């Protein structure tokens, strides 16, 4: 499974269309072609990228996506169409894992803070919260 990079994508999970557009634009740039010459149903290896171009494209793609790519993905998903669909799925998976991690980290911080409260501080916090709920219900 792909691992999130340290520079995670701040956006929502990317769509297949957005990834396809990025791939088309960047492949066209690498091979000095027009974007309308790039066919999403053609095999990626048909565009004649040399290894240096492929490595540069992969590095830029990882930065764009916000996660590391498995080197074998392109072999399993050989067209822009298939590759972008899989990358969109990966983007959603990575986004979900990041959210789960953030949620569990936040929960751990809250629990740690609660555990450090004295009994009196807990009673005060609960009483304050009850008062806020009453006021909110009264104003609604």
N, C-alpha and C. Protein backbone atom coordinates (compact mmCIF):
# COMPACT_ATOMS: atom_id res chain seq x y z
N UNK A 1 0.86 -1.17 0.00
CA UNK A 1 0.00 0.00 0.00
C UNK A 1 0.90 1.22 0.00
N UNK A 2 0.43 2.30 -0.58
CA UNK A 2 1.23 3.52 -0.66
C UNK A 2 1.30 4.19 0.69
N UNK A 3 2.44 4.83 0.95
CA UNK A 3 2.68 5.50 2.22
C UNK A 3 2.54 7.00 2.04
N UNK A 4 1.89 7.71 2.97
CA UNK A 4 1.83 9.16 2.87
C UNK A 4 3.24 9.74 2.97
N UNK A 5 3.50 10.78 2.20
CA UNK A 5 4.78 11.47 2.32
C UNK A 5 4.68 12.45 3.46
N UNK A 6 5.81 13.04 3.80
CA UNK A 6 5.79 14.02 4.88
C UNK A 6 5.07 15.28 4.45
N UNK A 7 4.94 15.49 3.14
CA UNK A 7 4.27 16.67 2.64
C UNK A 7 2.93 16.24 2.05
N UNK A 8 1.99 15.93 2.93
CA UNK A 8 0.69 15.42 2.50
C UNK A 8 -0.08 16.48 1.74
N UNK A 9 -0.91 16.02 0.83
CA UNK A 9 -1.72 16.91 0.03
C UNK A 9 -2.77 17.56 0.91
N UNK A 10 -2.80 18.92 0.97
CA UNK A 10 -3.74 19.60 1.84
C UNK A 10 -5.16 19.60 1.30
N UNK A 11 -5.35 19.22 0.03
CA UNK A 11 -6.66 19.24 -0.59
C UNK A 11 -7.43 17.97 -0.26
N UNK A 12 -8.69 17.99 -0.66
CA UNK A 12 -9.51 16.78 -0.55
C UNK A 12 -8.94 15.73 -1.50
N UNK A 13 -9.40 14.49 -1.36
CA UNK A 13 -8.92 13.47 -2.29
C UNK A 13 -9.12 13.93 -3.74
N UNK A 14 -8.15 13.62 -4.56
CA UNK A 14 -8.19 14.05 -5.96
C UNK A 14 -9.09 13.14 -6.78
N UNK A 15 -9.76 13.72 -7.76
CA UNK A 15 -10.63 12.94 -8.64
C UNK A 15 -9.83 12.34 -9.78
N UNK A 16 -10.42 11.35 -10.41
CA UNK A 16 -9.80 10.73 -11.58
C UNK A 16 -9.55 11.77 -12.66
N UNK A 17 -10.51 12.66 -12.88
CA UNK A 17 -10.39 13.66 -13.93
C UNK A 17 -9.23 14.62 -13.67
N UNK A 18 -9.08 15.06 -12.44
CA UNK A 18 -8.00 15.98 -12.08
C UNK A 18 -6.65 15.29 -12.30
N UNK A 19 -6.56 14.05 -11.89
CA UNK A 19 -5.30 13.30 -12.06
C UNK A 19 -5.02 13.07 -13.54
N UNK A 20 -6.06 12.73 -14.32
CA UNK A 20 -5.88 12.55 -15.76
C UNK A 20 -5.36 13.82 -16.41
N UNK A 21 -5.95 14.95 -16.05
CA UNK A 21 -5.53 16.23 -16.62
C UNK A 21 -4.06 16.51 -16.28
N UNK A 22 -3.70 16.23 -15.02
CA UNK A 22 -2.31 16.45 -14.60
C UNK A 22 -1.37 15.56 -15.41
N UNK A 23 -1.72 14.28 -15.53
CA UNK A 23 -0.88 13.34 -16.28
C UNK A 23 -0.75 13.75 -17.74
N UNK A 24 -1.85 14.10 -18.37
CA UNK A 24 -1.83 14.50 -19.78
C UNK A 24 -0.92 15.71 -19.97
N UNK A 25 -1.11 16.73 -19.14
CA UNK A 25 -0.31 17.95 -19.25
C UNK A 25 1.17 17.68 -19.04
N UNK A 26 1.49 16.90 -18.02
CA UNK A 26 2.89 16.66 -17.70
C UNK A 26 3.57 15.69 -18.66
N UNK A 27 2.85 14.71 -19.16
CA UNK A 27 3.43 13.82 -20.17
C UNK A 27 3.68 14.60 -21.45
N UNK A 28 2.70 15.40 -21.86
CA UNK A 28 2.87 16.23 -23.06
C UNK A 28 4.09 17.14 -22.91
N UNK A 29 4.26 17.72 -21.75
CA UNK A 29 5.41 18.59 -21.49
C UNK A 29 6.72 17.80 -21.60
N UNK A 30 6.76 16.61 -21.01
CA UNK A 30 7.98 15.79 -21.02
C UNK A 30 8.38 15.37 -22.44
N UNK A 31 7.40 15.05 -23.27
CA UNK A 31 7.74 14.56 -24.62
C UNK A 31 7.60 15.66 -25.67
N UNK A 32 7.36 16.88 -25.20
CA UNK A 32 7.23 18.05 -26.08
C UNK A 32 6.16 17.82 -27.15
N UNK A 33 4.96 17.47 -26.67
CA UNK A 33 3.81 17.24 -27.54
C UNK A 33 2.67 18.14 -27.09
N UNK A 34 1.65 18.21 -27.90
CA UNK A 34 0.44 18.94 -27.54
C UNK A 34 -0.43 18.03 -26.67
N UNK A 35 -1.18 18.63 -25.75
CA UNK A 35 -2.02 17.82 -24.86
C UNK A 35 -3.06 17.01 -25.63
N UNK A 36 -3.53 17.53 -26.76
CA UNK A 36 -4.54 16.79 -27.51
C UNK A 36 -3.95 15.58 -28.25
N UNK A 37 -2.63 15.43 -28.22
CA UNK A 37 -1.97 14.26 -28.79
C UNK A 37 -1.89 13.10 -27.80
N UNK A 38 -2.24 13.37 -26.55
CA UNK A 38 -2.15 12.35 -25.50
C UNK A 38 -3.52 11.68 -25.37
N UNK A 39 -3.54 10.37 -25.53
CA UNK A 39 -4.77 9.57 -25.47
C UNK A 39 -4.76 8.77 -24.17
N UNK A 40 -5.80 8.96 -23.35
CA UNK A 40 -5.82 8.29 -22.04
C UNK A 40 -5.95 6.78 -22.14
N UNK A 41 -6.36 6.27 -23.30
CA UNK A 41 -6.50 4.82 -23.45
C UNK A 41 -5.23 4.16 -24.01
N UNK A 42 -4.24 4.97 -24.39
CA UNK A 42 -2.96 4.43 -24.87
C UNK A 42 -2.10 4.00 -23.70
N UNK A 43 -1.28 3.00 -23.91
CA UNK A 43 -0.34 2.56 -22.87
C UNK A 43 0.66 3.69 -22.60
N UNK A 44 0.98 3.88 -21.34
CA UNK A 44 1.93 4.93 -20.96
C UNK A 44 3.28 4.74 -21.62
N UNK A 45 3.71 3.49 -21.78
CA UNK A 45 5.02 3.26 -22.39
C UNK A 45 5.05 3.59 -23.88
N UNK A 46 3.88 3.82 -24.48
CA UNK A 46 3.85 4.17 -25.90
C UNK A 46 4.30 5.60 -26.16
N UNK A 47 4.43 6.40 -25.10
CA UNK A 47 4.83 7.80 -25.28
C UNK A 47 6.34 7.98 -25.30
N UNK A 48 7.10 6.91 -25.13
CA UNK A 48 8.54 6.96 -25.31
C UNK A 48 9.30 7.75 -24.27
N UNK A 49 8.79 7.80 -23.05
CA UNK A 49 9.54 8.47 -21.98
C UNK A 49 10.79 7.66 -21.68
N UNK A 50 11.95 8.35 -21.60
CA UNK A 50 13.14 7.63 -21.18
C UNK A 50 13.12 7.51 -19.66
N UNK A 51 14.06 6.78 -19.10
CA UNK A 51 14.02 6.52 -17.65
C UNK A 51 14.15 7.80 -16.83
N UNK A 52 14.96 8.75 -17.28
CA UNK A 52 15.11 10.01 -16.55
C UNK A 52 13.80 10.80 -16.57
N UNK A 53 13.14 10.84 -17.72
CA UNK A 53 11.86 11.53 -17.81
C UNK A 53 10.81 10.85 -16.94
N UNK A 54 10.80 9.53 -16.95
CA UNK A 54 9.84 8.77 -16.14
C UNK A 54 10.07 9.02 -14.65
N UNK A 55 11.33 9.05 -14.23
CA UNK A 55 11.65 9.31 -12.82
C UNK A 55 11.22 10.73 -12.42
N UNK A 56 11.49 11.70 -13.28
CA UNK A 56 11.09 13.08 -13.01
C UNK A 56 9.57 13.18 -12.92
N UNK A 57 8.88 12.55 -13.85
CA UNK A 57 7.42 12.55 -13.84
C UNK A 57 6.89 11.90 -12.57
N UNK A 58 7.47 10.78 -12.16
CA UNK A 58 7.03 10.09 -10.94
C UNK A 58 7.25 10.97 -9.71
N UNK A 59 8.38 11.65 -9.64
CA UNK A 59 8.66 12.53 -8.49
C UNK A 59 7.66 13.68 -8.44
N UNK A 60 7.39 14.28 -9.60
CA UNK A 60 6.42 15.38 -9.65
C UNK A 60 5.02 14.88 -9.29
N UNK A 61 4.69 13.68 -9.75
CA UNK A 61 3.37 13.10 -9.46
C UNK A 61 3.21 12.83 -7.97
N UNK A 62 4.24 12.30 -7.33
CA UNK A 62 4.18 12.06 -5.89
C UNK A 62 3.97 13.37 -5.13
N UNK A 63 4.66 14.41 -5.57
CA UNK A 63 4.49 15.72 -4.92
C UNK A 63 3.07 16.23 -5.13
N UNK A 64 2.55 16.08 -6.33
CA UNK A 64 1.19 16.52 -6.64
C UNK A 64 0.15 15.75 -5.81
N UNK A 65 0.33 14.43 -5.72
CA UNK A 65 -0.63 13.59 -5.01
C UNK A 65 -0.51 13.69 -3.50
N UNK A 66 0.72 13.88 -3.03
CA UNK A 66 0.94 13.95 -1.59
C UNK A 66 1.24 12.61 -0.96
N UNK A 67 1.55 11.60 -1.76
CA UNK A 67 1.95 10.30 -1.22
C UNK A 67 2.90 9.60 -2.20
N UNK A 68 3.65 8.64 -1.64
CA UNK A 68 4.61 7.88 -2.45
C UNK A 68 3.89 6.85 -3.31
N UNK A 69 4.44 6.64 -4.49
CA UNK A 69 3.87 5.67 -5.42
C UNK A 69 4.67 4.37 -5.39
N UNK A 70 3.97 3.28 -5.53
CA UNK A 70 4.63 1.99 -5.70
C UNK A 70 5.21 1.96 -7.11
N UNK A 71 6.46 1.53 -7.26
CA UNK A 71 7.06 1.49 -8.59
C UNK A 71 6.33 0.55 -9.56
N UNK A 72 5.55 -0.38 -9.05
CA UNK A 72 4.87 -1.34 -9.93
C UNK A 72 3.48 -0.88 -10.37
N UNK A 73 2.99 0.21 -9.84
CA UNK A 73 1.63 0.65 -10.19
C UNK A 73 1.43 0.82 -11.69
N UNK A 74 2.41 1.43 -12.34
CA UNK A 74 2.26 1.71 -13.76
C UNK A 74 2.20 0.42 -14.59
N UNK A 75 2.79 -0.65 -14.09
CA UNK A 75 2.72 -1.92 -14.79
C UNK A 75 1.35 -2.56 -14.62
N UNK A 76 0.75 -2.38 -13.47
CA UNK A 76 -0.58 -2.94 -13.22
C UNK A 76 -1.69 -2.09 -13.85
N UNK A 77 -1.43 -0.81 -14.02
CA UNK A 77 -2.41 0.12 -14.58
C UNK A 77 -1.71 0.88 -15.71
N UNK A 78 -1.57 0.27 -16.89
CA UNK A 78 -0.67 0.78 -17.93
C UNK A 78 -1.17 1.96 -18.76
N UNK A 79 -2.43 2.34 -18.63
CA UNK A 79 -2.93 3.49 -19.39
C UNK A 79 -3.18 4.66 -18.44
N UNK A 80 -3.23 5.86 -18.99
CA UNK A 80 -3.53 7.04 -18.18
C UNK A 80 -4.89 6.86 -17.52
N UNK A 81 -5.83 6.31 -18.27
CA UNK A 81 -7.18 6.10 -17.75
C UNK A 81 -7.17 5.18 -16.52
N UNK A 82 -6.57 4.02 -16.64
CA UNK A 82 -6.53 3.05 -15.53
C UNK A 82 -5.67 3.57 -14.38
N UNK A 83 -4.53 4.15 -14.72
CA UNK A 83 -3.59 4.65 -13.72
C UNK A 83 -4.24 5.77 -12.89
N UNK A 84 -4.91 6.70 -13.55
CA UNK A 84 -5.53 7.82 -12.83
C UNK A 84 -6.69 7.35 -11.96
N UNK A 85 -7.44 6.34 -12.42
CA UNK A 85 -8.52 5.79 -11.59
C UNK A 85 -7.95 5.18 -10.31
N UNK A 86 -6.86 4.42 -10.47
CA UNK A 86 -6.23 3.80 -9.29
C UNK A 86 -5.64 4.86 -8.36
N UNK A 87 -5.02 5.88 -8.92
CA UNK A 87 -4.43 6.94 -8.10
C UNK A 87 -5.51 7.72 -7.35
N UNK A 88 -6.67 7.91 -7.97
CA UNK A 88 -7.78 8.58 -7.27
C UNK A 88 -8.23 7.74 -6.08
N UNK A 89 -8.30 6.43 -6.26
CA UNK A 89 -8.65 5.53 -5.14
C UNK A 89 -7.60 5.64 -4.04
N UNK A 90 -6.32 5.63 -4.43
CA UNK A 90 -5.24 5.75 -3.45
C UNK A 90 -5.33 7.08 -2.71
N UNK A 91 -5.66 8.14 -3.44
CA UNK A 91 -5.79 9.46 -2.83
C UNK A 91 -6.86 9.45 -1.75
N UNK A 92 -7.98 8.79 -2.02
CA UNK A 92 -9.04 8.69 -1.03
C UNK A 92 -8.61 7.84 0.16
N UNK A 93 -7.89 6.74 -0.11
CA UNK A 93 -7.40 5.87 0.97
C UNK A 93 -6.43 6.61 1.87
N UNK A 94 -5.50 7.34 1.26
CA UNK A 94 -4.51 8.10 2.04
C UNK A 94 -5.20 9.17 2.85
N UNK A 95 -6.17 9.86 2.24
CA UNK A 95 -6.89 10.91 2.96
C UNK A 95 -7.62 10.33 4.17
N UNK A 96 -8.23 9.15 4.00
CA UNK A 96 -8.93 8.50 5.11
C UNK A 96 -7.96 8.11 6.22
N UNK A 97 -6.80 7.56 5.84
CA UNK A 97 -5.81 7.16 6.85
C UNK A 97 -5.28 8.37 7.60
N UNK A 98 -5.06 9.48 6.90
CA UNK A 98 -4.57 10.70 7.56
C UNK A 98 -5.62 11.21 8.53
N UNK A 99 -6.90 11.23 8.11
CA UNK A 99 -7.96 11.68 9.01
C UNK A 99 -8.07 10.78 10.23
N UNK A 100 -7.98 9.47 10.04
CA UNK A 100 -8.03 8.54 11.17
C UNK A 100 -6.89 8.81 12.13
N UNK A 101 -5.70 9.06 11.59
CA UNK A 101 -4.53 9.33 12.43
C UNK A 101 -4.72 10.63 13.20
N UNK A 102 -5.22 11.67 12.52
CA UNK A 102 -5.44 12.95 13.18
C UNK A 102 -6.48 12.79 14.28
N UNK A 103 -7.57 12.08 13.98
CA UNK A 103 -8.62 11.87 14.97
C UNK A 103 -8.09 11.12 16.18
N UNK A 104 -7.31 10.07 15.97
CA UNK A 104 -6.81 9.30 17.11
C UNK A 104 -5.78 10.09 17.89
N UNK A 105 -4.97 10.90 17.21
CA UNK A 105 -4.00 11.75 17.91
C UNK A 105 -4.73 12.79 18.76
N UNK A 106 -5.77 13.39 18.20
CA UNK A 106 -6.54 14.41 18.92
C UNK A 106 -7.22 13.78 20.13
N UNK A 107 -7.79 12.61 19.94
CA UNK A 107 -8.46 11.91 21.03
C UNK A 107 -7.46 11.59 22.15
N UNK A 108 -6.27 11.14 21.79
CA UNK A 108 -5.25 10.83 22.79
C UNK A 108 -4.87 12.08 23.59
N UNK A 109 -4.78 13.22 22.91
CA UNK A 109 -4.46 14.48 23.60
C UNK A 109 -5.57 14.87 24.57
N UNK A 110 -6.80 14.73 24.13
CA UNK A 110 -7.94 15.09 24.99
C UNK A 110 -7.99 14.18 26.21
N UNK A 111 -7.83 12.87 25.99
CA UNK A 111 -7.86 11.93 27.11
C UNK A 111 -6.72 12.19 28.09
N UNK A 112 -5.57 12.52 27.57
CA UNK A 112 -4.43 12.83 28.44
C UNK A 112 -4.72 14.07 29.28
N UNK A 113 -5.32 15.08 28.66
CA UNK A 113 -5.65 16.31 29.39
C UNK A 113 -6.70 16.04 30.46
N UNK A 114 -7.70 15.22 30.13
CA UNK A 114 -8.75 14.89 31.10
C UNK A 114 -8.17 14.12 32.28
N UNK A 115 -7.28 13.18 32.00
CA UNK A 115 -6.68 12.39 33.07
C UNK A 115 -5.88 13.24 34.05
N UNK A 116 -5.42 14.38 33.61
CA UNK A 116 -4.61 15.24 34.47
C UNK A 116 -5.46 16.21 35.30
N UNK A 117 -6.77 16.25 35.05
CA UNK A 117 -7.65 17.14 35.80
C UNK A 117 -7.92 16.58 37.19
N UNK A 118 -8.06 17.50 38.13
CA UNK A 118 -8.47 17.09 39.48
C UNK A 118 -9.97 16.83 39.47
N UNK A 119 -10.48 16.20 40.52
CA UNK A 119 -11.91 15.92 40.62
C UNK A 119 -12.69 17.23 40.58
N UNK A 120 -12.22 18.23 41.28
CA UNK A 120 -12.89 19.53 41.30
C UNK A 120 -12.93 20.15 39.91
N UNK A 121 -11.84 20.05 39.16
CA UNK A 121 -11.80 20.60 37.80
C UNK A 121 -12.78 19.87 36.88
N UNK A 122 -12.93 18.57 37.07
CA UNK A 122 -13.88 17.80 36.26
C UNK A 122 -15.30 18.25 36.56
N UNK A 123 -15.64 18.38 37.86
CA UNK A 123 -16.98 18.84 38.23
C UNK A 123 -17.26 20.22 37.67
N UNK A 124 -16.29 21.11 37.74
CA UNK A 124 -16.46 22.48 37.21
C UNK A 124 -16.68 22.44 35.71
N UNK A 125 -15.89 21.64 35.00
CA UNK A 125 -16.02 21.54 33.55
C UNK A 125 -17.39 20.98 33.15
N UNK A 126 -17.84 19.95 33.87
CA UNK A 126 -19.15 19.35 33.57
C UNK A 126 -20.26 20.35 33.85
N UNK A 127 -20.18 21.05 34.96
CA UNK A 127 -21.21 22.05 35.31
C UNK A 127 -21.25 23.16 34.27
N UNK A 128 -20.09 23.60 33.83
CA UNK A 128 -20.03 24.65 32.80
C UNK A 128 -20.65 24.16 31.50
N UNK A 129 -20.33 22.94 31.11
CA UNK A 129 -20.87 22.38 29.88
C UNK A 129 -22.39 22.23 29.98
N UNK A 130 -22.89 21.78 31.12
CA UNK A 130 -24.34 21.65 31.30
C UNK A 130 -25.01 23.01 31.17
N UNK A 131 -24.40 24.04 31.74
CA UNK A 131 -24.96 25.39 31.67
C UNK A 131 -24.99 25.87 30.22
N UNK A 132 -23.93 25.62 29.47
CA UNK A 132 -23.88 26.03 28.07
C UNK A 132 -24.95 25.32 27.25
N UNK A 133 -25.18 24.04 27.54
CA UNK A 133 -26.21 23.28 26.83
C UNK A 133 -27.59 23.85 27.15
N UNK A 134 -27.85 24.16 28.41
CA UNK A 134 -29.14 24.74 28.80
C UNK A 134 -29.36 26.07 28.08
N UNK A 135 -28.34 26.91 28.05
CA UNK A 135 -28.45 28.21 27.39
C UNK A 135 -28.70 28.04 25.90
N UNK A 136 -28.02 27.10 25.28
CA UNK A 136 -28.20 26.86 23.85
C UNK A 136 -29.62 26.38 23.57
N UNK A 137 -30.12 25.44 24.37
CA UNK A 137 -31.47 24.93 24.18
C UNK A 137 -32.51 26.01 24.43
N UNK A 138 -32.25 26.89 25.37
CA UNK A 138 -33.17 27.97 25.67
C UNK A 138 -33.23 28.96 24.51
N UNK A 139 -32.09 29.23 23.87
CA UNK A 139 -32.01 30.20 22.78
C UNK A 139 -32.51 29.64 21.45
N UNK A 140 -32.64 28.32 21.34
CA UNK A 140 -33.08 27.71 20.07
C UNK A 140 -34.55 27.75 19.90
